[in-house]
N, C-alpha and C. Protein backbone atom coordinates (compact mmCIF):
# COMPACT_ATOMS: atom_id res chain seq x y z
N MET A 1 -22.54 10.90 -23.69
CA MET A 1 -22.69 12.22 -22.98
C MET A 1 -21.65 12.28 -21.92
N ALA A 2 -20.97 13.38 -22.02
CA ALA A 2 -19.73 13.47 -21.11
C ALA A 2 -20.23 13.53 -19.54
N THR A 3 -19.45 13.05 -18.86
CA THR A 3 -19.37 12.80 -17.33
C THR A 3 -18.40 14.03 -16.69
N ASP A 4 -19.03 14.32 -15.74
CA ASP A 4 -18.09 15.28 -14.90
C ASP A 4 -16.85 14.61 -14.28
N PRO A 5 -15.68 15.21 -14.24
CA PRO A 5 -14.68 14.61 -13.32
C PRO A 5 -15.12 14.22 -12.02
N PRO A 6 -14.30 13.35 -11.40
CA PRO A 6 -14.73 12.95 -9.97
C PRO A 6 -14.21 14.11 -9.13
N LYS A 7 -15.33 14.43 -8.17
CA LYS A 7 -14.82 15.47 -7.23
C LYS A 7 -13.76 15.11 -6.24
N GLU A 8 -12.86 16.19 -6.01
CA GLU A 8 -11.58 16.14 -5.28
C GLU A 8 -12.10 15.81 -3.88
N THR A 9 -11.70 14.98 -3.13
CA THR A 9 -12.07 14.75 -1.71
C THR A 9 -11.09 15.81 -0.86
N THR A 10 -11.48 15.77 0.41
CA THR A 10 -10.73 16.59 1.40
C THR A 10 -9.45 16.11 1.41
N GLY A 11 -9.25 14.91 1.39
CA GLY A 11 -7.86 14.15 1.61
C GLY A 11 -7.00 14.52 0.49
N GLU A 12 -7.30 14.38 -0.72
CA GLU A 12 -6.71 14.74 -1.95
C GLU A 12 -6.36 16.20 -1.79
N ARG A 13 -7.43 17.09 -1.52
CA ARG A 13 -7.08 18.57 -1.53
C ARG A 13 -5.92 18.75 -0.55
N VAL A 14 -6.05 18.26 0.53
CA VAL A 14 -4.75 18.29 1.48
C VAL A 14 -3.60 17.94 0.78
N ILE A 15 -3.59 16.97 0.40
CA ILE A 15 -2.15 16.39 -0.45
C ILE A 15 -1.55 17.40 -1.50
N ARG A 16 -2.78 17.95 -2.33
CA ARG A 16 -2.49 19.01 -3.48
C ARG A 16 -1.92 20.17 -2.86
N ILE A 17 -2.43 20.72 -1.68
CA ILE A 17 -1.93 22.02 -1.12
C ILE A 17 -0.78 21.76 -0.48
N ALA A 18 -0.54 20.49 0.26
CA ALA A 18 0.67 20.35 0.74
C ALA A 18 1.89 20.08 -0.33
N THR A 19 1.72 19.65 -1.43
CA THR A 19 2.62 19.43 -2.35
C THR A 19 2.99 20.82 -2.70
N GLN A 20 2.21 21.74 -3.12
CA GLN A 20 2.37 23.12 -3.42
C GLN A 20 3.32 23.70 -2.56
N LEU A 21 2.73 23.67 -1.50
CA LEU A 21 3.80 24.48 -0.17
C LEU A 21 5.13 23.78 0.04
N PHE A 22 5.12 22.56 -0.18
CA PHE A 22 6.48 21.72 -0.02
C PHE A 22 7.48 22.31 -1.15
N ALA A 23 6.90 22.47 -2.26
CA ALA A 23 7.57 22.79 -3.42
C ALA A 23 8.07 24.20 -3.36
N GLU A 24 7.31 25.17 -2.99
CA GLU A 24 7.71 26.47 -2.95
C GLU A 24 8.35 26.77 -1.96
N ASN A 25 7.99 26.13 -0.68
CA ASN A 25 8.65 26.51 0.66
C ASN A 25 9.76 25.77 1.04
N GLY A 26 9.78 24.30 0.73
CA GLY A 26 10.72 23.32 1.09
C GLY A 26 9.76 22.60 2.36
N TYR A 27 10.04 21.41 2.27
CA TYR A 27 9.21 20.34 3.43
C TYR A 27 9.68 21.03 4.69
N ASP A 28 10.80 21.30 5.13
CA ASP A 28 11.11 21.64 6.50
C ASP A 28 10.51 22.83 6.85
N ALA A 29 10.57 23.78 6.01
CA ALA A 29 10.10 25.20 6.26
C ALA A 29 8.80 25.35 6.17
N THR A 30 7.94 24.33 5.83
CA THR A 30 6.55 24.34 5.93
C THR A 30 5.86 23.72 7.30
N GLY A 31 5.16 24.55 7.94
CA GLY A 31 4.74 24.07 9.23
C GLY A 31 3.27 23.56 9.08
N VAL A 32 2.87 22.75 10.21
CA VAL A 32 1.55 22.52 10.36
C VAL A 32 0.45 23.68 10.31
N GLN A 33 0.91 24.60 11.08
CA GLN A 33 -0.14 25.75 11.01
C GLN A 33 -0.29 26.39 9.58
N GLU A 34 0.78 26.40 8.99
CA GLU A 34 0.58 26.96 7.53
C GLU A 34 -0.33 25.89 6.70
N LEU A 35 -0.11 24.60 7.01
CA LEU A 35 -0.83 23.72 6.24
C LEU A 35 -2.41 23.83 6.76
N SER A 36 -2.50 24.12 7.89
CA SER A 36 -3.84 24.13 8.36
C SER A 36 -4.45 25.37 7.74
N GLU A 37 -3.90 26.55 7.87
CA GLU A 37 -4.46 27.94 7.24
C GLU A 37 -4.70 27.57 5.60
N SER A 38 -3.69 27.14 4.87
CA SER A 38 -3.83 26.87 3.42
C SER A 38 -4.99 25.96 3.03
N THR A 39 -5.31 25.00 3.81
CA THR A 39 -6.22 24.04 3.47
C THR A 39 -7.60 24.48 4.02
N GLY A 40 -7.76 25.42 5.08
CA GLY A 40 -9.02 26.20 5.67
C GLY A 40 -9.52 25.10 6.74
N LEU A 41 -8.66 24.20 7.03
CA LEU A 41 -8.92 23.15 8.09
C LEU A 41 -8.38 23.35 9.58
N GLY A 42 -8.98 23.36 10.37
CA GLY A 42 -8.49 23.51 11.86
C GLY A 42 -7.55 22.40 11.93
N ARG A 43 -6.86 22.46 13.09
CA ARG A 43 -5.57 21.50 13.34
C ARG A 43 -6.36 19.88 13.56
N GLY A 44 -7.48 20.04 14.20
CA GLY A 44 -8.01 18.70 14.61
C GLY A 44 -8.78 18.05 13.34
N ALA A 45 -9.17 19.21 12.57
CA ALA A 45 -9.62 18.57 11.11
C ALA A 45 -8.71 17.91 10.28
N LEU A 46 -7.42 18.93 10.04
CA LEU A 46 -6.36 18.46 9.25
C LEU A 46 -5.77 16.96 9.82
N TYR A 47 -5.67 17.00 11.20
CA TYR A 47 -5.11 15.51 11.68
C TYR A 47 -6.11 14.72 11.57
N TYR A 48 -7.30 14.79 11.29
CA TYR A 48 -8.13 13.73 10.80
C TYR A 48 -7.88 13.09 9.62
N HIS A 49 -7.33 13.77 8.51
CA HIS A 49 -6.96 13.33 7.27
C HIS A 49 -5.51 12.96 7.15
N ILE A 50 -4.62 13.51 8.12
CA ILE A 50 -3.16 12.97 7.95
C ILE A 50 -2.73 12.73 9.49
N LYS A 51 -1.66 11.91 9.43
CA LYS A 51 -1.12 11.65 10.84
C LYS A 51 -0.16 12.82 11.04
N ASN A 52 0.58 13.41 10.18
CA ASN A 52 1.63 14.26 10.30
C ASN A 52 2.26 14.62 8.98
N LYS A 53 3.13 15.48 8.89
CA LYS A 53 3.87 15.86 7.68
C LYS A 53 4.45 14.78 7.11
N GLN A 54 5.14 13.83 7.81
CA GLN A 54 5.88 12.85 7.14
C GLN A 54 4.89 11.99 6.25
N GLU A 55 3.61 11.71 6.74
CA GLU A 55 2.76 10.84 6.02
C GLU A 55 2.69 11.72 4.69
N LEU A 56 2.28 12.93 4.79
CA LEU A 56 2.24 13.70 3.33
C LEU A 56 3.42 13.51 2.39
N LEU A 57 4.66 13.81 2.85
CA LEU A 57 5.89 13.57 2.19
C LEU A 57 6.02 12.12 1.73
N ARG A 58 5.66 11.31 2.43
CA ARG A 58 5.78 9.65 2.04
C ARG A 58 4.60 9.54 0.88
N LYS A 59 3.41 9.93 1.15
CA LYS A 59 2.47 9.74 -0.06
C LYS A 59 2.95 10.38 -1.41
N ILE A 60 3.36 11.71 -1.33
CA ILE A 60 3.73 12.44 -2.38
C ILE A 60 4.68 11.67 -3.28
N ALA A 61 5.79 11.19 -2.54
CA ALA A 61 7.24 10.51 -3.08
C ALA A 61 6.69 9.18 -3.60
N LEU A 62 5.92 8.35 -2.81
CA LEU A 62 5.92 7.03 -3.28
C LEU A 62 4.84 7.01 -4.31
N ARG A 63 3.80 7.72 -4.43
CA ARG A 63 2.74 7.95 -5.36
C ARG A 63 3.47 8.15 -6.84
N LEU A 64 4.17 9.03 -6.77
CA LEU A 64 4.91 9.25 -8.12
C LEU A 64 5.87 8.17 -8.62
N LEU A 65 6.73 7.58 -7.71
CA LEU A 65 7.46 6.56 -8.17
C LEU A 65 6.73 5.20 -8.63
N GLU A 66 5.69 5.17 -7.60
CA GLU A 66 5.04 3.81 -8.14
C GLU A 66 4.36 4.12 -9.24
N ASN A 67 3.67 5.01 -9.51
CA ASN A 67 3.19 5.38 -10.85
C ASN A 67 4.25 5.31 -11.90
N ALA A 68 5.28 5.86 -11.89
CA ALA A 68 6.41 5.64 -12.95
C ALA A 68 6.91 4.26 -13.04
N ASN A 69 6.98 3.52 -12.19
CA ASN A 69 7.21 2.17 -12.36
C ASN A 69 6.39 1.36 -13.10
N ARG A 70 5.04 1.66 -12.65
CA ARG A 70 4.06 0.89 -13.30
C ARG A 70 3.95 1.25 -14.76
N GLU A 71 4.01 2.50 -15.17
CA GLU A 71 4.13 2.94 -16.50
C GLU A 71 5.31 2.32 -17.21
N ALA A 72 6.44 2.32 -16.65
CA ALA A 72 7.70 1.59 -17.14
C ALA A 72 7.70 0.13 -17.50
N ARG A 73 6.75 -0.44 -16.69
CA ARG A 73 6.74 -1.79 -16.80
C ARG A 73 5.75 -1.99 -18.07
N ARG A 74 4.50 -1.20 -18.14
CA ARG A 74 3.48 -1.40 -19.13
C ARG A 74 4.49 -1.02 -20.55
N ILE A 75 5.21 -0.15 -20.60
CA ILE A 75 6.02 0.34 -21.90
C ILE A 75 6.96 -0.88 -22.21
N LEU A 76 7.68 -1.35 -21.35
CA LEU A 76 8.60 -2.45 -21.52
C LEU A 76 7.77 -3.63 -22.06
N ALA A 77 6.42 -3.78 -21.74
CA ALA A 77 5.92 -5.10 -22.22
C ALA A 77 4.91 -4.82 -23.43
N SER A 78 4.98 -3.58 -24.11
CA SER A 78 4.04 -3.07 -25.01
C SER A 78 4.41 -3.55 -26.47
N GLY A 79 5.79 -3.92 -26.69
CA GLY A 79 6.18 -4.25 -27.91
C GLY A 79 6.83 -3.38 -28.55
N GLY A 80 7.31 -3.46 -29.98
CA GLY A 80 7.97 -2.44 -30.47
C GLY A 80 9.65 -2.56 -30.32
N THR A 81 10.24 -1.80 -31.11
CA THR A 81 11.78 -2.06 -30.97
C THR A 81 12.28 -1.13 -29.51
N ALA A 82 13.28 -1.59 -29.25
CA ALA A 82 13.98 -1.05 -27.82
C ALA A 82 14.11 0.63 -28.13
N GLU A 83 14.32 0.99 -29.24
CA GLU A 83 14.39 2.44 -29.80
C GLU A 83 13.13 3.13 -29.29
N ASP A 84 11.93 2.44 -30.06
CA ASP A 84 10.53 2.98 -29.95
C ASP A 84 10.04 3.05 -28.37
N ARG A 85 10.47 1.95 -27.74
CA ARG A 85 10.04 2.06 -26.13
C ARG A 85 10.83 3.09 -25.41
N LEU A 86 12.17 3.34 -25.77
CA LEU A 86 12.90 4.28 -25.27
C LEU A 86 12.32 5.81 -25.43
N HIS A 87 11.84 5.96 -26.57
CA HIS A 87 11.16 7.20 -26.80
C HIS A 87 10.02 7.40 -26.00
N ARG A 88 9.06 6.30 -25.83
CA ARG A 88 7.67 6.30 -25.25
C ARG A 88 8.09 6.59 -23.57
N MET A 89 9.34 5.96 -23.23
CA MET A 89 9.56 5.87 -21.79
C MET A 89 10.18 7.40 -21.45
N ALA A 90 10.93 8.05 -22.34
CA ALA A 90 11.39 9.27 -22.10
C ALA A 90 10.11 10.44 -22.06
N THR A 91 9.33 10.24 -23.15
CA THR A 91 8.14 11.02 -23.27
C THR A 91 7.30 11.07 -22.03
N HIS A 92 6.99 9.77 -21.57
CA HIS A 92 6.18 9.60 -20.21
C HIS A 92 6.82 10.33 -19.16
N LEU A 93 8.06 10.33 -18.88
CA LEU A 93 8.68 10.78 -17.80
C LEU A 93 8.73 12.24 -17.81
N LEU A 94 9.13 12.79 -19.05
CA LEU A 94 9.11 14.30 -19.22
C LEU A 94 7.81 15.06 -19.06
N THR A 95 6.73 14.33 -19.50
CA THR A 95 5.13 14.56 -19.35
C THR A 95 4.97 14.88 -17.93
N ASP A 96 5.07 13.39 -17.30
CA ASP A 96 4.91 13.55 -15.98
C ASP A 96 5.61 14.66 -15.03
N LEU A 97 7.11 14.74 -15.43
CA LEU A 97 7.59 15.80 -14.78
C LEU A 97 7.07 17.34 -14.94
N SER A 98 6.43 17.43 -16.12
CA SER A 98 5.90 18.57 -16.31
C SER A 98 4.44 19.02 -15.78
N THR A 99 3.70 17.91 -15.86
CA THR A 99 2.45 17.87 -15.18
C THR A 99 2.41 17.83 -13.80
N ASN A 100 3.15 16.92 -13.23
CA ASN A 100 3.13 17.11 -11.76
C ASN A 100 4.59 17.69 -11.23
N ARG A 101 4.76 18.64 -11.72
CA ARG A 101 6.22 19.22 -11.38
C ARG A 101 6.40 19.65 -9.71
N ASN A 102 5.41 19.99 -9.23
CA ASN A 102 5.41 20.35 -7.81
C ASN A 102 5.93 18.96 -6.89
N ALA A 103 5.03 18.05 -7.40
CA ALA A 103 5.32 16.78 -6.67
C ALA A 103 6.87 16.10 -6.93
N TRP A 104 7.41 16.45 -7.83
CA TRP A 104 8.81 15.99 -8.53
C TRP A 104 9.63 16.81 -7.72
N ILE A 105 9.49 18.15 -7.72
CA ILE A 105 10.30 18.98 -6.93
C ILE A 105 10.70 18.50 -5.56
N THR A 106 9.24 18.22 -4.79
CA THR A 106 9.44 17.77 -3.34
C THR A 106 9.78 16.39 -3.31
N SER A 107 9.82 15.56 -4.08
CA SER A 107 10.16 14.19 -4.17
C SER A 107 11.69 14.23 -4.30
N MET A 108 12.38 14.83 -5.36
CA MET A 108 13.41 14.92 -5.79
C MET A 108 14.25 15.64 -4.61
N ARG A 109 13.91 16.73 -4.21
CA ARG A 109 14.68 17.51 -3.23
C ARG A 109 14.57 17.02 -1.82
N ASP A 110 13.45 16.42 -1.42
CA ASP A 110 13.14 16.33 0.19
C ASP A 110 13.03 14.85 0.45
N TRP A 111 13.11 13.89 -0.27
CA TRP A 111 13.01 12.65 0.08
C TRP A 111 13.83 12.18 1.13
N LYS A 112 14.89 12.72 1.32
CA LYS A 112 15.85 12.25 2.43
C LYS A 112 15.45 12.59 3.64
N ALA A 113 14.38 13.47 3.56
CA ALA A 113 13.82 14.06 5.22
C ALA A 113 12.88 12.86 5.75
N LEU A 114 12.57 11.78 4.85
CA LEU A 114 11.56 10.80 5.39
C LEU A 114 12.37 9.97 6.37
N ASP A 115 11.44 9.56 7.30
CA ASP A 115 12.20 8.40 8.29
C ASP A 115 12.18 7.13 7.57
N GLU A 116 12.99 6.33 8.37
CA GLU A 116 13.08 4.77 7.82
C GLU A 116 11.64 4.14 8.30
N PRO A 117 11.54 3.00 7.73
CA PRO A 117 11.88 2.67 6.48
C PRO A 117 11.45 3.18 5.03
N HIS A 118 10.66 4.40 5.35
CA HIS A 118 10.12 4.87 3.91
C HIS A 118 11.15 5.72 3.13
N ARG A 119 12.18 5.95 3.67
CA ARG A 119 13.34 6.51 2.75
C ARG A 119 14.21 5.49 2.21
N SER A 120 14.19 4.37 2.62
CA SER A 120 14.92 3.18 1.87
C SER A 120 13.94 2.65 0.77
N ARG A 121 12.61 2.75 1.14
CA ARG A 121 11.47 2.21 0.32
C ARG A 121 11.44 3.38 -0.97
N VAL A 122 11.69 4.34 -0.70
CA VAL A 122 11.82 5.49 -2.01
C VAL A 122 13.16 5.24 -2.84
N GLY A 123 14.12 4.88 -2.12
CA GLY A 123 15.57 4.83 -2.74
C GLY A 123 15.43 3.47 -3.58
N HIS A 124 14.71 2.15 -2.89
CA HIS A 124 14.49 1.26 -3.59
C HIS A 124 13.66 1.15 -4.99
N LEU A 125 12.66 2.09 -4.80
CA LEU A 125 11.73 2.36 -6.04
C LEU A 125 12.61 3.29 -7.15
N ARG A 126 13.36 4.15 -6.66
CA ARG A 126 14.18 5.02 -7.67
C ARG A 126 15.17 4.01 -8.43
N ASP A 127 15.75 2.96 -7.61
CA ASP A 127 16.70 2.05 -8.38
C ASP A 127 15.66 1.13 -9.34
N GLU A 128 14.48 0.67 -9.03
CA GLU A 128 13.91 -0.10 -9.80
C GLU A 128 13.54 0.51 -11.10
N TYR A 129 13.25 2.05 -10.97
CA TYR A 129 12.77 2.64 -12.29
C TYR A 129 14.16 2.84 -13.19
N GLU A 130 15.25 3.11 -12.45
CA GLU A 130 16.44 3.13 -13.33
C GLU A 130 16.73 1.63 -14.11
N GLN A 131 16.36 0.55 -13.28
CA GLN A 131 16.63 -0.72 -13.92
C GLN A 131 15.94 -0.84 -15.19
N TYR A 132 14.58 -0.39 -15.14
CA TYR A 132 13.67 -0.46 -16.30
C TYR A 132 14.49 0.19 -17.64
N TRP A 133 15.14 1.19 -17.22
CA TRP A 133 15.87 1.87 -18.61
C TRP A 133 17.08 0.92 -18.69
N GLN A 134 17.73 0.27 -17.88
CA GLN A 134 18.71 -0.48 -18.04
C GLN A 134 18.56 -1.52 -19.01
N THR A 135 17.24 -2.14 -18.61
CA THR A 135 16.50 -3.31 -19.45
C THR A 135 16.47 -3.07 -20.99
N LEU A 136 15.96 -1.60 -21.21
CA LEU A 136 15.71 -1.36 -22.74
C LEU A 136 17.26 -1.29 -23.16
N PHE A 137 18.00 -0.38 -22.64
CA PHE A 137 19.49 -0.33 -23.14
C PHE A 137 20.00 -1.82 -23.53
N ASP A 138 19.86 -2.99 -22.54
CA ASP A 138 20.18 -4.00 -22.60
C ASP A 138 19.77 -4.84 -23.79
N GLU A 139 18.38 -4.71 -24.14
CA GLU A 139 17.46 -5.20 -25.32
C GLU A 139 18.13 -4.83 -26.49
N GLY A 140 18.43 -3.35 -26.52
CA GLY A 140 18.83 -2.78 -27.57
C GLY A 140 20.28 -3.07 -27.91
N ALA A 141 21.17 -3.45 -27.09
CA ALA A 141 22.60 -3.80 -27.16
C ALA A 141 22.41 -5.20 -27.84
N GLU A 142 21.51 -6.26 -27.14
CA GLU A 142 21.60 -7.68 -27.63
C GLU A 142 20.96 -7.65 -29.11
N SER A 143 20.29 -6.82 -29.51
CA SER A 143 19.58 -6.88 -31.03
C SER A 143 20.51 -6.04 -31.78
N GLY A 144 21.76 -5.55 -31.35
CA GLY A 144 22.62 -4.90 -32.22
C GLY A 144 22.39 -3.42 -32.69
N VAL A 145 21.48 -2.92 -32.03
CA VAL A 145 20.98 -1.53 -32.32
C VAL A 145 21.78 -0.41 -31.65
N PHE A 146 21.86 -0.85 -30.11
CA PHE A 146 22.65 0.07 -29.41
C PHE A 146 24.13 -0.54 -28.93
N ARG A 147 25.07 0.17 -28.68
CA ARG A 147 26.16 -0.42 -28.19
C ARG A 147 25.90 -0.63 -26.54
N PRO A 148 26.56 -1.57 -25.94
CA PRO A 148 26.21 -1.84 -24.64
C PRO A 148 26.48 -0.54 -23.72
N VAL A 149 25.64 -0.47 -22.64
CA VAL A 149 25.42 0.77 -21.88
C VAL A 149 25.84 0.40 -20.35
N HIS A 150 26.96 0.97 -19.88
CA HIS A 150 27.37 0.78 -18.52
C HIS A 150 26.42 1.47 -17.64
N PRO A 151 26.31 0.63 -16.40
CA PRO A 151 25.17 1.29 -15.76
C PRO A 151 25.53 2.81 -14.99
N MET A 152 26.90 3.32 -15.17
CA MET A 152 27.03 4.53 -14.72
C MET A 152 26.71 5.52 -15.91
N GLN A 153 26.64 5.03 -17.17
CA GLN A 153 26.19 5.56 -18.19
C GLN A 153 24.64 6.01 -18.09
N ARG A 154 23.91 4.67 -17.79
CA ARG A 154 22.51 4.78 -17.63
C ARG A 154 22.16 5.62 -16.61
N ARG A 155 22.79 5.83 -15.16
CA ARG A 155 22.61 6.62 -14.30
C ARG A 155 22.73 8.22 -14.86
N ALA A 156 23.65 8.34 -15.65
CA ALA A 156 23.80 9.80 -16.28
C ALA A 156 22.52 10.00 -17.27
N VAL A 157 22.26 9.17 -17.71
CA VAL A 157 21.12 9.47 -18.90
C VAL A 157 19.73 9.69 -17.95
N VAL A 158 19.49 8.87 -17.08
CA VAL A 158 18.33 9.23 -16.12
C VAL A 158 18.26 10.47 -15.51
N ALA A 159 19.40 10.72 -15.22
CA ALA A 159 19.68 11.89 -14.42
C ALA A 159 19.45 13.19 -15.14
N MET A 160 19.66 12.84 -16.42
CA MET A 160 19.40 13.98 -17.44
C MET A 160 18.09 14.33 -17.58
N PHE A 161 17.38 13.31 -17.45
CA PHE A 161 15.67 13.54 -17.68
C PHE A 161 15.16 13.89 -16.20
N THR A 162 15.52 13.29 -15.09
CA THR A 162 14.88 13.70 -13.92
C THR A 162 15.12 14.98 -13.38
N SER A 163 16.50 15.52 -13.54
CA SER A 163 16.76 16.79 -13.16
C SER A 163 16.16 17.66 -13.92
N SER A 164 15.26 17.46 -15.02
CA SER A 164 14.39 18.75 -15.74
C SER A 164 13.36 19.14 -14.69
N TYR A 165 13.03 18.42 -13.69
CA TYR A 165 12.09 19.23 -12.76
C TYR A 165 12.38 20.61 -12.32
N ARG A 166 13.71 20.85 -12.29
CA ARG A 166 14.08 22.19 -11.95
C ARG A 166 13.63 23.28 -12.90
N TRP A 167 13.28 22.95 -14.25
CA TRP A 167 12.96 24.10 -15.13
C TRP A 167 11.76 23.81 -16.05
N ILE A 168 11.50 22.62 -16.12
CA ILE A 168 10.31 22.19 -17.18
C ILE A 168 8.93 22.82 -16.82
N GLU A 169 8.38 23.42 -17.92
CA GLU A 169 7.13 24.12 -17.76
C GLU A 169 5.92 23.46 -18.51
N PRO A 170 4.88 23.25 -18.19
CA PRO A 170 3.76 22.55 -18.80
C PRO A 170 3.67 23.42 -20.15
N ASN A 171 3.57 24.59 -20.08
CA ASN A 171 3.31 25.56 -21.32
C ASN A 171 4.50 26.13 -21.84
N GLY A 172 5.72 25.45 -21.83
CA GLY A 172 6.85 25.95 -22.30
C GLY A 172 6.81 25.98 -23.91
N SER A 173 7.99 26.59 -24.33
CA SER A 173 8.22 26.47 -26.06
C SER A 173 8.39 25.52 -26.40
N LEU A 174 8.69 24.47 -25.72
CA LEU A 174 8.85 23.00 -26.39
C LEU A 174 7.94 22.18 -25.61
N LYS A 175 7.20 21.23 -26.34
CA LYS A 175 6.52 20.31 -25.70
C LYS A 175 7.20 19.12 -24.95
N PRO A 176 6.74 18.49 -23.82
CA PRO A 176 7.65 17.33 -23.28
C PRO A 176 7.93 16.44 -24.33
N ALA A 177 7.09 15.89 -25.16
CA ALA A 177 7.46 14.92 -26.22
C ALA A 177 8.64 15.54 -27.06
N GLU A 178 8.81 16.65 -27.23
CA GLU A 178 9.83 17.31 -28.17
C GLU A 178 11.14 17.42 -27.38
N ILE A 179 10.93 17.83 -26.15
CA ILE A 179 12.36 17.77 -25.34
C ILE A 179 12.78 16.27 -25.05
N ALA A 180 11.94 15.20 -25.02
CA ALA A 180 12.29 13.77 -25.00
C ALA A 180 13.01 13.50 -26.27
N ASP A 181 12.29 13.89 -27.42
CA ASP A 181 12.97 13.64 -28.70
C ASP A 181 14.45 14.14 -28.67
N LEU A 182 14.70 15.42 -28.34
CA LEU A 182 16.01 16.09 -28.28
C LEU A 182 17.07 15.23 -27.61
N TYR A 183 16.42 15.10 -26.37
CA TYR A 183 17.40 14.20 -25.20
C TYR A 183 17.94 12.86 -25.71
N VAL A 184 16.78 12.15 -26.22
CA VAL A 184 16.93 10.70 -26.79
C VAL A 184 17.99 10.49 -28.02
N SER A 185 17.63 11.83 -28.88
CA SER A 185 18.80 11.87 -30.16
C SER A 185 20.14 12.35 -29.45
N LEU A 186 20.25 13.04 -28.49
CA LEU A 186 21.67 13.45 -28.22
C LEU A 186 22.44 12.24 -27.47
N PHE A 187 21.57 11.29 -26.76
CA PHE A 187 22.61 10.20 -26.20
C PHE A 187 22.64 9.13 -27.07
N LEU A 188 21.62 8.98 -28.24
CA LEU A 188 21.84 7.87 -29.23
C LEU A 188 22.88 8.37 -30.19
N ASP A 189 22.80 9.62 -30.64
CA ASP A 189 23.57 10.05 -31.91
C ASP A 189 24.86 10.51 -31.23
N GLY A 190 24.88 11.13 -30.24
CA GLY A 190 26.17 11.78 -29.65
C GLY A 190 26.34 13.13 -30.21
N LEU A 191 27.51 13.95 -29.99
CA LEU A 191 27.68 15.02 -30.17
C LEU A 191 28.69 15.01 -31.44
N ARG A 192 29.36 14.02 -31.85
CA ARG A 192 30.08 14.16 -33.12
C ARG A 192 29.30 14.24 -34.31
N ALA A 193 29.86 15.01 -35.19
CA ALA A 193 29.19 15.27 -36.53
C ALA A 193 29.51 14.15 -37.24
N PRO A 194 28.30 13.62 -38.15
CA PRO A 194 28.34 12.57 -38.98
C PRO A 194 29.66 12.60 -39.78
N HIS A 195 30.53 11.51 -40.22
CA HIS A 195 31.28 11.33 -41.16
C HIS A 195 30.79 11.66 -42.58
N THR A 196 31.35 12.41 -43.47
CA THR A 196 30.96 12.36 -44.82
C THR A 196 32.07 11.83 -45.88
N ALA A 197 31.56 11.04 -46.86
CA ALA A 197 32.39 10.58 -47.60
C ALA A 197 33.22 11.54 -48.26
N THR A 198 34.37 11.16 -48.70
CA THR A 198 35.32 12.00 -49.44
C THR A 198 36.08 11.21 -50.58
N ASP A 199 36.22 12.29 -51.58
CA ASP A 199 36.82 11.58 -52.80
C ASP A 199 38.31 11.04 -52.54
């Protein structure tokens, strides 16, 4: 027998609406009054669920990156070739970018508006996530499947994926997994046409 999904709490609804407003208007341009009106909560009720806007931005950014790092660790430990796990890592990231696009827009664009130490915490989590990609690249190089990947190349590859938050859509003409395959094929196979044997 199917069970109903858990009901959204007021606190979760506040975060969801704040995420949408931040994505559409920008963090700095979204005021507490707008949050109050959009959630249907008076200021007193709103402040019962949040301390301030900073807390909302912090929760949005940290939740995304902590989930991404948790999934990356799971994929790394899941077995299979480095290339197989690279495809899974890419598919997860693009699926998450598509499904949680508003949160990614807010996190990628506005994270530097966070006060310390939370800004540094977000920076560390982003570095940690990139390192999981480097681990896969290094494993592939050690097994002879990939050539060695310089950290600057790794940064470019990860940025190619994460910048997709600007345009990716859940119902686009290509599914996130298909985009992931195209991206992985591009940086694994390169742009050069394959050499053909000549007589």
